[in-house]
Amino acid sequence: MNILLLGSGGREHAFAYKISQSPHCQQLFIAPGNPGTEKHGKNVSISAIDFPAIEKFVLENNIEMIVVGPEEPLVKGIFDFFEQSTVVPELPVIGPSAAGAQLEGSKDFAKDFMIRNNIPTAGSSTFTAENIQEAFSFLDEHATPIVLKADGLAAGKGVVICQTREEAKNELSEMLHGKFGAAGNKVVIEEFLDGIEMSVFVLTDGTHYKLLPTAKDYKRVGEKDTGLNTGGMGAISPVPFADAVLMKKVETQIIQPTIAGLQKEQIVYKGFIYFGLMIVKGEPLVIEYNCRMGDPETEAVLPRIKSDLVELFLGVAHANLQEVHLEILPYSAATVVLTAKGYPQEYEKGKLIENLGQTTECLVFHAGTRKRANGDIETNGGRVIAVTAFAGNLSKALKIANRNAAIIAFEGKYYRKDIGMDVM
């Protein structure tokens, strides 16, 4: 079958790598893709949110499945667009409806959904510019540190942990007055949870689900989890502390009530759900949902899936996912992200990337790169490259990933050398 993958980052390169291995995949197109994805299929210069252009391409190229990588097309309703299309009948789109994507598209919606469905999460309240004085009073009544979250999509940067009430009030005021654009028109003020984070992913057909490998990502730019929040500086999979007892709690208290809640509320959901969890004294609480796979966790998780990914997608499309076998490879994976100088604030682009061909024992996923006229690869984003290594244990995987991260060269390159060290 001909498959169209939407997106252009490291996550999409990992998807392209995995989808292209499937005997079900005759031809893979990636829109818009990057220099890494074109090793596994054909890049097409269409924006992932230009639905009419995508529809035209689907018709002209006999596309039989669309796989959506990033959140924006999902929140903007690509599933619904093709569900309602009169020219493209019954095209499977791997991703939730716009209503389902609100789990990520609106922090306020997600909080209400969790409360309605008795899913454990941090206490919170939502405010707008109109009731900012009430928000200040709320802050005065609550302990610090405290968490502020822009309600809408903010490219992974809309969460701020404030250490004092004064800092929280200043930050809240900035957020409600445009710091994150329309994403900050509402702000969720949330209780700070003191625990350890982990990421859990499921693929669901709306009724049944498959639990994918666990992961832990590292969002702070600085070592020892210091500095600004980023889209993610690295990831490991599996999570060493995620034993059978904890995972049973995650399934029964969080995953199953989420799937049941979507069904009860008649929300169509055919795709990935990311559960960002905080484990507090052995108890899992949801700190966020994503309506797609995480990045850079995807680069650590997908290569650990031995099963045919397209076969799993067909199970989603045909609503018989429970009949598809999921096999996970037993090794550990470690992903280290190389970033541009200045990231996550203003960063430089156009720097020549060297030594990509000199890496060994690893996968190199392109995240923010582009090809020059002469074929050279240069930087074109804040997160530039994700290096993923595998081994029988996490310690060895991290050594291989860091060794290769050191080999790849570009001006201003930065990466955290302590990914995974906190759980060793």
Protein backbone atom coordinates (compact mmCIF):
# COMPACT_ATOMS: atom_id res chain seq x y z
CA MET A 1 0.00 0.00 0.00
CA ASN A 2 1.02 3.64 -0.52
CA ILE A 3 1.38 5.49 2.79
CA LEU A 4 1.63 9.22 3.49
CA LEU A 5 3.44 10.26 6.68
CA LEU A 6 2.97 13.85 7.87
CA GLY A 7 5.71 15.78 9.67
CA SER A 8 9.34 16.80 9.41
CA GLY A 9 11.11 16.10 12.71
CA GLY A 10 13.08 13.38 14.47
CA ARG A 11 9.86 11.60 15.42
CA GLU A 12 8.84 11.42 11.75
CA HIS A 13 12.28 10.14 10.73
CA ALA A 14 11.84 7.33 13.27
CA PHE A 15 8.35 6.60 11.88
CA ALA A 16 9.70 6.57 8.30
CA TYR A 17 12.51 4.20 9.35
CA LYS A 18 10.00 1.79 10.91
CA ILE A 19 7.15 2.05 8.36
CA SER A 20 9.52 1.47 5.42
CA GLN A 21 10.50 -1.92 6.88
CA SER A 22 6.94 -3.23 6.52
CA PRO A 23 6.10 -5.57 3.63
CA HIS A 24 2.70 -3.82 3.59
CA CYS A 25 4.41 -0.57 2.55
CA GLN A 26 4.83 -0.37 -1.21
CA GLN A 27 5.73 3.31 -1.31
CA LEU A 28 6.17 5.82 1.52
CA PHE A 29 5.74 9.57 1.03
CA ILE A 30 6.65 12.08 3.74
CA ALA A 31 5.17 15.60 3.81
CA PRO A 32 7.25 17.65 4.13
CA GLY A 33 9.95 15.35 5.58
CA ASN A 34 13.66 16.11 6.04
CA PRO A 35 17.01 14.87 4.64
CA GLY A 36 16.79 11.84 6.94
CA THR A 37 13.29 10.72 5.98
CA GLU A 38 14.15 10.71 2.27
CA LYS A 39 16.38 7.68 2.91
CA HIS A 40 13.19 5.71 3.59
CA GLY A 41 10.70 7.22 1.14
CA LYS A 42 9.96 10.24 -1.01
CA ASN A 43 9.67 13.71 0.52
CA VAL A 44 6.92 15.95 -0.86
CA SER A 45 6.85 19.70 -0.24
CA ILE A 46 3.38 19.94 1.29
CA SER A 47 2.67 21.43 4.71
CA ALA A 48 1.25 18.98 7.24
CA ILE A 49 -1.63 21.42 7.88
CA ASP A 50 -2.54 22.14 4.24
CA PHE A 51 -5.46 19.69 4.14
CA PRO A 52 -6.72 20.50 0.60
CA ALA A 53 -3.19 20.01 -0.81
CA ILE A 54 -2.88 16.74 1.11
CA GLU A 55 -6.27 15.59 -0.25
CA LYS A 56 -5.14 16.37 -3.81
CA PHE A 57 -1.88 14.45 -3.28
CA VAL A 58 -3.80 11.49 -1.82
CA LEU A 59 -5.98 11.29 -4.94
CA GLU A 60 -3.10 11.66 -7.39
CA ASN A 61 -0.88 9.08 -5.69
CA ASN A 62 -3.40 6.43 -4.60
CA ILE A 63 -2.59 6.93 -0.91
CA GLU A 64 -4.23 4.20 1.20
CA MET A 65 -3.23 5.39 4.69
CA ILE A 66 -2.17 8.63 6.37
CA VAL A 67 0.02 8.51 9.48
CA VAL A 68 0.10 11.79 11.42
CA GLY A 69 3.29 12.58 13.35
CA PRO A 70 2.84 16.06 14.91
CA GLU A 71 -0.01 17.40 17.02
CA GLU A 72 -0.97 20.49 15.00
CA PRO A 73 -2.74 18.73 12.10
CA LEU A 74 -4.59 16.54 14.61
CA VAL A 75 -5.77 19.48 16.73
CA LYS A 76 -6.80 21.26 13.51
CA GLY A 77 -8.92 18.26 12.52
CA ILE A 78 -7.20 16.27 9.77
CA PHE A 79 -9.01 13.09 10.88
CA ASP A 80 -12.38 14.85 10.58
CA PHE A 81 -11.40 16.43 7.24
CA PHE A 82 -10.86 13.03 5.62
CA GLU A 83 -13.78 11.45 7.50
CA GLN A 84 -16.04 14.05 5.85
CA SER A 85 -14.29 14.08 2.46
CA THR A 86 -16.55 13.22 -0.47
CA VAL A 87 -13.63 12.68 -2.86
CA VAL A 88 -11.51 10.35 -0.70
CA PRO A 89 -13.77 7.63 0.69
CA GLU A 90 -12.74 5.57 3.75
CA LEU A 91 -9.10 6.60 4.02
CA PRO A 92 -7.57 5.44 7.33
CA VAL A 93 -5.97 8.32 9.23
CA ILE A 94 -3.81 7.19 12.16
CA GLY A 95 -4.57 9.86 14.71
CA PRO A 96 -7.57 11.01 16.76
CA SER A 97 -10.48 13.23 15.78
CA ALA A 98 -10.22 16.94 16.61
CA ALA A 99 -12.31 16.23 19.72
CA GLY A 100 -9.84 13.53 20.84
CA ALA A 101 -6.87 15.76 20.05
CA GLN A 102 -8.22 18.27 22.59
CA LEU A 103 -6.55 16.05 25.22
CA GLU A 104 -3.39 17.82 24.06
CA GLY A 105 -4.85 20.88 22.36
CA SER A 106 -6.37 22.21 25.58
CA LYS A 107 -4.86 21.64 29.04
CA ASP A 108 -8.14 22.88 30.51
CA PHE A 109 -10.15 20.29 28.55
CA ALA A 110 -7.72 17.54 29.58
CA LYS A 111 -8.04 18.49 33.26
CA ASP A 112 -11.84 18.43 33.10
CA PHE A 113 -11.73 15.09 31.26
CA MET A 114 -9.53 13.58 34.00
CA ILE A 115 -11.81 14.87 36.75
CA ARG A 116 -14.92 13.54 34.97
CA ASN A 117 -13.33 10.12 34.58
CA ASN A 118 -11.65 9.84 38.01
CA ILE A 119 -8.13 9.78 36.58
CA PRO A 120 -5.47 10.78 39.16
CA THR A 121 -3.87 14.15 38.44
CA ALA A 122 -2.56 17.24 40.24
CA GLY A 123 -5.04 19.76 41.66
CA SER A 124 -5.50 22.81 39.42
CA SER A 125 -7.62 25.78 38.37
CA THR A 126 -7.86 27.68 35.06
CA PHE A 127 -7.74 31.45 34.58
CA THR A 128 -7.93 34.08 31.81
CA ALA A 129 -6.87 37.73 31.59
CA GLU A 130 -10.40 38.70 32.67
CA ASN A 131 -10.01 37.06 36.08
CA ILE A 132 -6.31 37.60 36.65
CA GLN A 133 -6.93 39.07 40.14
CA GLU A 134 -8.64 35.81 41.13
CA ALA A 135 -5.60 34.00 39.78
CA PHE A 136 -3.31 36.14 41.95
CA SER A 137 -5.48 35.30 44.99
CA PHE A 138 -5.29 31.61 44.04
CA LEU A 139 -1.50 31.85 43.94
CA ASP A 140 -1.45 33.56 47.36
CA GLU A 141 -3.37 30.63 48.82
CA HIS A 142 -1.16 27.87 47.40
CA ALA A 143 2.31 26.61 48.22
CA THR A 144 5.31 27.02 45.93
CA PRO A 145 6.80 25.74 43.74
CA ILE A 146 3.74 25.91 41.51
CA VAL A 147 3.22 25.06 37.83
CA LEU A 148 1.78 27.33 35.12
CA LYS A 149 0.62 25.78 31.84
CA ALA A 150 -0.49 27.58 28.69
CA ASP A 151 -3.82 26.02 27.73
CA GLY A 152 -3.06 25.58 24.02
CA LEU A 153 -0.20 24.26 21.89
CA ALA A 154 3.11 25.98 22.62
CA ALA A 155 5.66 23.67 20.94
CA GLY A 156 6.54 21.94 24.21
CA LYS A 157 7.55 25.22 25.90
CA GLY A 158 4.28 26.35 27.50
CA VAL A 159 4.97 24.90 30.97
CA VAL A 160 6.76 26.96 33.62
CA ILE A 161 7.63 25.82 37.16
CA CYS A 162 7.74 28.88 39.45
CA GLN A 163 9.67 28.83 42.71
CA THR A 164 8.05 31.90 44.34
CA ARG A 165 4.62 33.55 44.27
CA GLU A 166 6.15 36.74 42.86
CA GLU A 167 7.75 34.81 39.99
CA ALA A 168 4.43 33.00 39.40
CA LYS A 169 2.45 36.26 39.24
CA ASN A 170 4.92 37.84 36.82
CA GLU A 171 4.98 34.73 34.64
CA LEU A 172 1.18 34.42 34.71
CA SER A 173 0.80 38.03 33.63
CA GLU A 174 3.24 37.52 30.72
CA MET A 175 1.48 34.33 29.63
CA LEU A 176 -1.99 35.89 29.71
CA HIS A 177 -0.71 38.89 27.75
CA GLY A 178 0.77 37.06 24.79
CA LYS A 179 4.03 35.36 25.77
CA PHE A 180 2.84 32.15 24.05
CA GLY A 181 0.38 33.83 21.69
CA ALA A 182 -3.17 32.47 21.61
CA ALA A 183 -1.97 29.31 23.43
CA GLY A 184 -1.80 31.42 26.62
CA ASN A 185 -5.28 32.95 26.44
CA LYS A 186 -6.09 30.53 29.26
CA VAL A 187 -3.55 29.37 31.84
CA VAL A 188 -3.88 26.31 34.05
CA ILE A 189 -2.32 26.82 37.48
CA GLU A 190 -1.41 23.41 38.84
CA GLU A 191 -0.12 21.93 42.08
CA PHE A 192 3.57 20.99 41.86
CA LEU A 193 4.10 17.23 42.16
CA ASP A 194 7.38 16.07 43.68
CA GLY A 195 8.23 12.76 42.07
CA ILE A 196 9.87 11.17 39.05
CA GLU A 197 8.55 11.52 35.51
CA MET A 198 7.96 8.84 32.93
CA SER A 199 6.17 8.53 29.59
CA VAL A 200 3.70 5.78 28.71
CA PHE A 201 2.30 5.28 25.21
CA VAL A 202 -0.60 3.30 23.85
CA LEU A 203 -1.88 2.72 20.35
CA THR A 204 -5.68 2.40 20.34
CA ASP A 205 -8.45 1.64 17.85
CA GLY A 206 -10.88 3.39 20.19
CA THR A 207 -11.84 0.24 22.07
CA HIS A 208 -8.73 -1.92 22.38
CA TYR A 209 -5.17 -0.75 23.00
CA LYS A 210 -1.58 -1.95 22.82
CA LEU A 211 0.82 -0.79 25.52
CA LEU A 212 4.08 0.33 23.90
CA PRO A 213 7.53 0.45 25.56
CA THR A 214 7.88 2.92 28.43
CA ALA A 215 10.26 5.87 28.17
CA LYS A 216 11.59 8.81 30.12
CA ASP A 217 12.48 12.07 28.42
CA TYR A 218 14.57 14.99 29.62
CA LYS A 219 13.01 18.39 28.97
CA ARG A 220 15.34 20.83 30.74
CA VAL A 221 18.14 22.21 28.60
CA GLY A 222 20.79 21.99 31.34
CA GLU A 223 22.42 18.98 32.97
CA LYS A 224 20.92 17.77 36.26
CA ASP A 225 17.56 19.04 34.94
CA THR A 226 18.35 22.75 35.16
CA GLY A 227 17.52 25.66 32.89
CA LEU A 228 14.65 26.28 30.49
CA ASN A 229 12.13 23.72 29.29
CA THR A 230 12.76 22.44 25.76
CA GLY A 231 10.97 20.05 23.41
CA GLY A 232 13.23 17.33 24.83
CA MET A 233 16.99 16.82 25.14
CA GLY A 234 17.01 13.02 25.17
CA ALA A 235 15.19 9.88 26.22
CA ILE A 236 15.66 6.35 27.50
CA SER A 237 13.55 3.20 27.08
CA PRO A 238 12.52 1.17 29.02
CA VAL A 239 12.24 3.00 32.35
CA PRO A 240 14.15 0.93 34.94
CA PHE A 241 11.75 1.65 37.83
CA ALA A 242 8.57 0.84 35.83
CA ASP A 243 8.02 -2.61 37.33
CA ALA A 244 4.94 -4.84 36.96
CA VAL A 245 3.31 -3.41 40.11
CA LEU A 246 3.57 0.19 38.89
CA MET A 247 2.48 -0.66 35.35
CA LYS A 248 -0.58 -2.48 36.66
CA LYS A 249 -1.58 0.73 38.48
CA VAL A 250 -0.95 2.77 35.32
CA GLU A 251 -3.19 0.48 33.27
CA THR A 252 -6.05 0.15 35.74
CA GLN A 253 -6.07 3.70 37.16
CA ILE A 254 -5.11 5.70 34.06
CA ILE A 255 -5.07 3.97 30.66
CA GLN A 256 -8.29 1.97 30.95
CA PRO A 257 -10.33 4.86 32.44
CA THR A 258 -9.03 7.13 29.65
CA ILE A 259 -10.11 4.74 26.88
CA ALA A 260 -13.45 4.15 28.66
CA GLY A 261 -13.93 7.91 29.09
CA LEU A 262 -13.38 8.53 25.37
CA GLN A 263 -15.94 5.86 24.53
CA LYS A 264 -18.44 7.15 27.09
CA GLU A 265 -18.11 10.69 25.74
CA GLN A 266 -18.37 9.38 22.15
CA ILE A 267 -15.00 10.83 21.18
CA VAL A 268 -13.50 9.08 18.14
CA TYR A 269 -9.90 8.13 18.85
CA LYS A 270 -7.80 5.99 16.49
CA GLY A 271 -4.14 6.57 17.16
CA PHE A 272 -1.54 7.15 19.84
CA ILE A 273 -2.11 8.46 23.35
CA TYR A 274 0.89 9.72 25.28
CA PHE A 275 0.52 9.75 29.06
CA GLY A 276 3.01 12.07 30.74
CA LEU A 277 3.13 10.70 34.28
CA MET A 278 4.60 11.76 37.60
CA ILE A 279 5.25 8.90 40.00
CA VAL A 280 4.77 10.16 43.56
CA LYS A 281 5.57 7.65 46.32
CA GLY A 282 4.83 4.76 43.97
CA GLU A 283 1.52 6.23 42.74
CA PRO A 284 1.10 7.40 39.11
CA LEU A 285 -0.58 10.75 38.33
CA VAL A 286 -1.16 12.27 34.88
CA ILE A 287 0.62 15.57 34.30
CA GLU A 288 -0.26 15.76 30.60
CA TYR A 289 -1.75 13.96 27.65
CA ASN A 290 -0.41 14.15 24.11
CA CYS A 291 -2.49 13.03 21.13
CA ARG A 292 0.57 11.62 19.34
CA MET A 293 3.93 10.02 20.12
CA GLY A 294 6.45 12.08 22.07
CA ASP A 295 9.64 13.48 20.62
CA PRO A 296 12.40 12.42 21.31
CA GLU A 297 10.82 9.37 23.01
CA THR A 298 9.68 8.02 19.62
CA GLU A 299 13.32 7.70 18.56
CA ALA A 300 13.95 5.41 21.55
CA VAL A 301 10.59 3.56 21.56
CA LEU A 302 9.83 2.69 17.92
CA PRO A 303 13.12 0.86 17.19
CA ARG A 304 12.34 -1.42 20.18
CA ILE A 305 9.14 -2.64 18.50
CA LYS A 306 9.90 -5.86 16.64
CA SER A 307 6.38 -6.18 15.19
CA ASP A 308 5.32 -4.75 11.84
CA LEU A 309 4.17 -1.20 12.64
CA VAL A 310 1.91 -0.97 9.57
CA GLU A 311 0.15 -4.17 10.65
CA LEU A 312 -0.59 -2.48 13.98
CA PHE A 313 -1.92 0.56 12.09
CA LEU A 314 -4.19 -1.71 10.03
CA GLY A 315 -5.50 -3.11 13.33
CA VAL A 316 -6.35 0.47 14.35
CA ALA A 317 -8.03 1.19 11.01
CA HIS A 318 -10.09 -2.03 11.07
CA ALA A 319 -10.91 -1.80 14.81
CA ASN A 320 -9.40 -5.24 15.49
CA LEU A 321 -6.16 -4.16 17.15
CA GLN A 322 -6.60 -6.86 19.80
CA GLU A 323 -5.91 -9.49 17.11
CA VAL A 324 -2.49 -8.04 16.15
CA HIS A 325 0.53 -9.36 18.02
CA LEU A 326 2.91 -6.79 19.54
CA GLU A 327 6.46 -7.97 20.21
CA ILE A 328 8.99 -5.76 22.01
CA LEU A 329 12.74 -6.27 21.69
CA PRO A 330 14.40 -6.81 25.10
CA TYR A 331 17.26 -4.32 24.81
CA SER A 332 17.68 -0.82 26.24
CA ALA A 333 17.65 2.29 24.07
CA ALA A 334 19.18 5.70 24.76
CA THR A 335 18.60 8.83 22.68
CA VAL A 336 20.75 11.96 22.92
CA VAL A 337 19.59 15.14 21.14
CA LEU A 338 22.10 17.54 19.57
CA THR A 339 20.85 21.13 19.58
CA ALA A 340 21.79 24.43 17.96
CA LYS A 341 23.53 27.17 19.90
CA GLY A 342 20.96 29.28 21.78
CA TYR A 343 18.17 26.68 21.85
CA PRO A 344 15.44 26.76 23.25
CA GLN A 345 15.56 30.53 22.74
CA GLU A 346 16.80 32.18 19.55
CA TYR A 347 19.18 29.81 17.80
CA GLU A 348 21.41 29.77 14.77
CA LYS A 349 20.67 27.95 11.51
CA GLY A 350 22.66 27.06 8.42
CA LYS A 351 25.67 25.44 10.12
CA LEU A 352 27.36 22.62 8.19
CA ILE A 353 26.89 19.20 9.82
CA GLU A 354 29.90 16.91 9.49
CA ASN A 355 30.82 13.28 10.28
CA LEU A 356 27.29 11.88 9.95
CA GLY A 357 28.79 8.94 8.04
CA GLN A 358 31.34 8.21 10.76
CA THR A 359 28.86 7.11 13.45
CA THR A 360 28.71 3.42 14.40
CA GLU A 361 26.38 1.10 16.38
CA CYS A 362 23.59 3.68 16.39
CA LEU A 363 20.69 5.23 14.49
CA VAL A 364 20.96 8.90 13.53
CA PHE A 365 17.58 10.61 13.21
CA HIS A 366 17.35 14.02 11.53
CA ALA A 367 15.21 16.53 13.43
CA GLY A 368 16.09 20.06 12.29
CA THR A 369 18.22 19.68 9.15
CA ARG A 370 18.09 20.63 5.47
CA LYS A 371 20.11 19.77 2.39
CA ARG A 372 22.29 22.28 0.60
CA ALA A 373 22.42 22.49 -3.21
CA ASN A 374 25.69 20.52 -3.19
CA GLY A 375 24.20 17.71 -1.06
CA ASP A 376 25.77 18.75 2.26
CA ILE A 377 23.52 18.74 5.33
CA GLU A 378 23.13 21.86 7.48
CA THR A 379 21.26 22.79 10.65
CA ASN A 380 17.70 24.07 10.24
CA GLY A 381 16.14 23.92 13.71
CA GLY A 382 16.71 24.07 17.45
CA ARG A 383 16.84 20.31 17.89
CA VAL A 384 19.08 19.18 15.05
CA ILE A 385 19.90 15.47 15.40
CA ALA A 386 18.79 12.61 17.68
CA VAL A 387 21.32 9.82 18.20
CA THR A 388 19.82 6.51 19.37
CA ALA A 389 21.88 3.56 20.57
CA PHE A 390 20.89 0.10 21.81
CA ALA A 391 22.53 -2.40 24.13
CA GLY A 392 21.78 -5.17 26.62
CA ASN A 393 21.70 -2.57 29.40
CA LEU A 394 21.11 1.16 29.72
CA SER A 395 24.66 1.99 30.81
CA LYS A 396 26.16 0.56 27.62
CA ALA A 397 23.48 2.16 25.41
CA LEU A 398 24.24 5.57 26.94
CA LYS A 399 27.99 5.15 26.35
CA ILE A 400 27.42 4.33 22.67
CA ALA A 401 24.95 7.23 22.21
CA ASN A 402 27.29 9.75 23.85
CA ARG A 403 30.29 8.48 21.89
CA ASN A 404 28.44 9.07 18.62
CA ALA A 405 27.02 12.41 19.79
CA ALA A 406 30.63 13.54 20.21
CA ILE A 407 31.55 12.42 16.67
CA ILE A 408 28.89 14.45 14.82
CA ALA A 409 30.10 18.03 14.41
CA PHE A 410 28.56 21.42 13.69
CA GLU A 411 29.31 24.92 14.95
CA GLY A 412 27.57 25.62 18.27
CA LYS A 413 26.59 21.98 18.88
CA TYR A 414 25.28 21.28 22.38
CA TYR A 415 23.97 18.15 24.07
CA ARG A 416 23.38 16.91 27.59
CA LYS A 417 25.90 14.29 28.68
CA ASP A 418 23.83 13.17 31.68
CA ILE A 419 20.77 11.69 29.92
CA GLY A 420 19.63 8.61 31.85
CA MET A 421 22.12 9.06 34.68
CA ASP A 422 19.41 9.86 37.23
CA VAL A 423 17.84 6.37 36.96
CA MET A 424 21.05 4.33 36.69
